Amino acid sequence: MIIPLGSLLAGAALGMWRARANGGNWRDMAQWAASFGILFGIVGLFVLIFYSRAVA
């Protein structure tokens, strides 16, 4: 369960950083953080599923 959570937090941090680097305000940072967090969280969930099936 740590893989999706960790990737969600990393994606949110990356999205916030990208919005800030492009000169966005707090709304832009929140939107980018949410979208990157969701995207990375879903990817992390699939990684966890594939890893669980490969090990078991």
C-alpha atoms as a PDB file:
ATOM      1  CA  MET A   1       0.000   0.000   0.000  1.00  0.00           C
ATOM      2  CA  ILE A   2       2.970   2.298   0.377  1.00  0.00           C
ATOM      3  CA  ILE A   3       3.748   2.403  -3.356  1.00  0.00           C
ATOM      4  CA  PRO A   4       0.514   4.168  -4.442  1.00  0.00           C
ATOM      5  CA  LEU A   5       0.619   6.543  -1.482  1.00  0.00           C
ATOM      6  CA  GLY A   6       4.256   7.419  -2.030  1.00  0.00           C
ATOM      7  CA  SER A   7       3.768   7.945  -5.734  1.00  0.00           C
ATOM      8  CA  LEU A   8       0.681  10.091  -5.072  1.00  0.00           C
ATOM      9  CA  LEU A   9       2.656  12.352  -2.752  1.00  0.00           C
ATOM     10  CA  ALA A  10       5.616  12.491  -5.143  1.00  0.00           C
ATOM     11  CA  GLY A  11       3.293  13.362  -8.020  1.00  0.00           C
ATOM     12  CA  ALA A  12       1.629  16.109  -6.007  1.00  0.00           C
ATOM     13  CA  ALA A  13       5.008  17.577  -5.115  1.00  0.00           C
ATOM     14  CA  LEU A  14       6.149  17.400  -8.736  1.00  0.00           C
ATOM     15  CA  GLY A  15       2.946  19.049  -9.963  1.00  0.00           C
ATOM     16  CA  MET A  16       3.251  21.841  -7.441  1.00  0.00           C
ATOM     17  CA  TRP A  17       6.877  22.397  -8.387  1.00  0.00           C
ATOM     18  CA  ARG A  18       6.049  22.536 -12.118  1.00  0.00           C
ATOM     19  CA  ALA A  19       3.247  25.046 -11.572  1.00  0.00           C
ATOM     20  CA  ARG A  20       5.481  27.223  -9.419  1.00  0.00           C
ATOM     21  CA  ALA A  21       8.281  27.041 -12.017  1.00  0.00           C
ATOM     22  CA  ASN A  22       5.847  28.241 -14.683  1.00  0.00           C
ATOM     23  CA  GLY A  23       4.800  31.208 -12.532  1.00  0.00           C
ATOM     24  CA  GLY A  24       1.407  29.919 -11.432  1.00  0.00           C
ATOM     25  CA  ASN A  25      -0.624  31.150  -8.493  1.00  0.00           C
ATOM     26  CA  TRP A  26      -1.933  28.938  -5.682  1.00  0.00           C
ATOM     27  CA  ARG A  27      -4.891  27.744  -7.764  1.00  0.00           C
ATOM     28  CA  ASP A  28      -2.602  26.592 -10.548  1.00  0.00           C
ATOM     29  CA  MET A  29      -0.376  24.829  -8.028  1.00  0.00           C
ATOM     30  CA  ALA A  30      -3.386  23.085  -6.473  1.00  0.00           C
ATOM     31  CA  GLN A  31      -4.719  21.959  -9.849  1.00  0.00           C
ATOM     32  CA  TRP A  32      -1.357  20.692 -11.069  1.00  0.00           C
ATOM     33  CA  ALA A  33      -0.696  18.969  -7.738  1.00  0.00           C
ATOM     34  CA  ALA A  34      -4.078  17.227  -7.848  1.00  0.00           C
ATOM     35  CA  SER A  35      -3.748  16.087 -11.447  1.00  0.00           C
ATOM     36  CA  PHE A  36      -0.183  14.840 -11.087  1.00  0.00           C
ATOM     37  CA  GLY A  37      -1.057  13.201  -7.755  1.00  0.00           C
ATOM     38  CA  ILE A  38      -3.982  11.322  -9.286  1.00  0.00           C
ATOM     39  CA  LEU A  39      -1.928  10.277 -12.309  1.00  0.00           C
ATOM     40  CA  PHE A  40       1.041   9.068 -10.284  1.00  0.00           C
ATOM     41  CA  GLY A  41      -1.264   7.390  -7.749  1.00  0.00           C
ATOM     42  CA  ILE A  42      -2.957   5.338 -10.479  1.00  0.00           C
ATOM     43  CA  VAL A  43       0.406   4.379 -11.963  1.00  0.00           C
ATOM     44  CA  GLY A  44       1.617   3.394  -8.486  1.00  0.00           C
ATOM     45  CA  LEU A  45      -1.495   1.283  -7.979  1.00  0.00           C
ATOM     46  CA  PHE A  46      -0.816  -0.638 -11.197  1.00  0.00           C
ATOM     47  CA  VAL A  47       2.820  -1.085 -10.191  1.00  0.00           C
ATOM     48  CA  LEU A  48       1.667  -2.521  -6.853  1.00  0.00           C
ATOM     49  CA  ILE A  49      -0.772  -4.906  -8.587  1.00  0.00           C
ATOM     50  CA  PHE A  50       1.862  -6.126 -11.052  1.00  0.00           C
ATOM     51  CA  TYR A  51       4.434  -6.497  -8.272  1.00  0.00           C
ATOM     52  CA  SER A  52       2.007  -8.431  -6.079  1.00  0.00           C
ATOM     53  CA  ARG A  53       1.141 -10.815  -8.893  1.00  0.00           C
ATOM     54  CA  ALA A  54       4.784 -11.328  -9.859  1.00  0.00           C
ATOM     55  CA  VAL A  55       5.908 -12.159  -6.325  1.00  0.00           C
ATOM     56  CA  ALA A  56       2.960 -14.349  -5.321  1.00  0.00           C
END
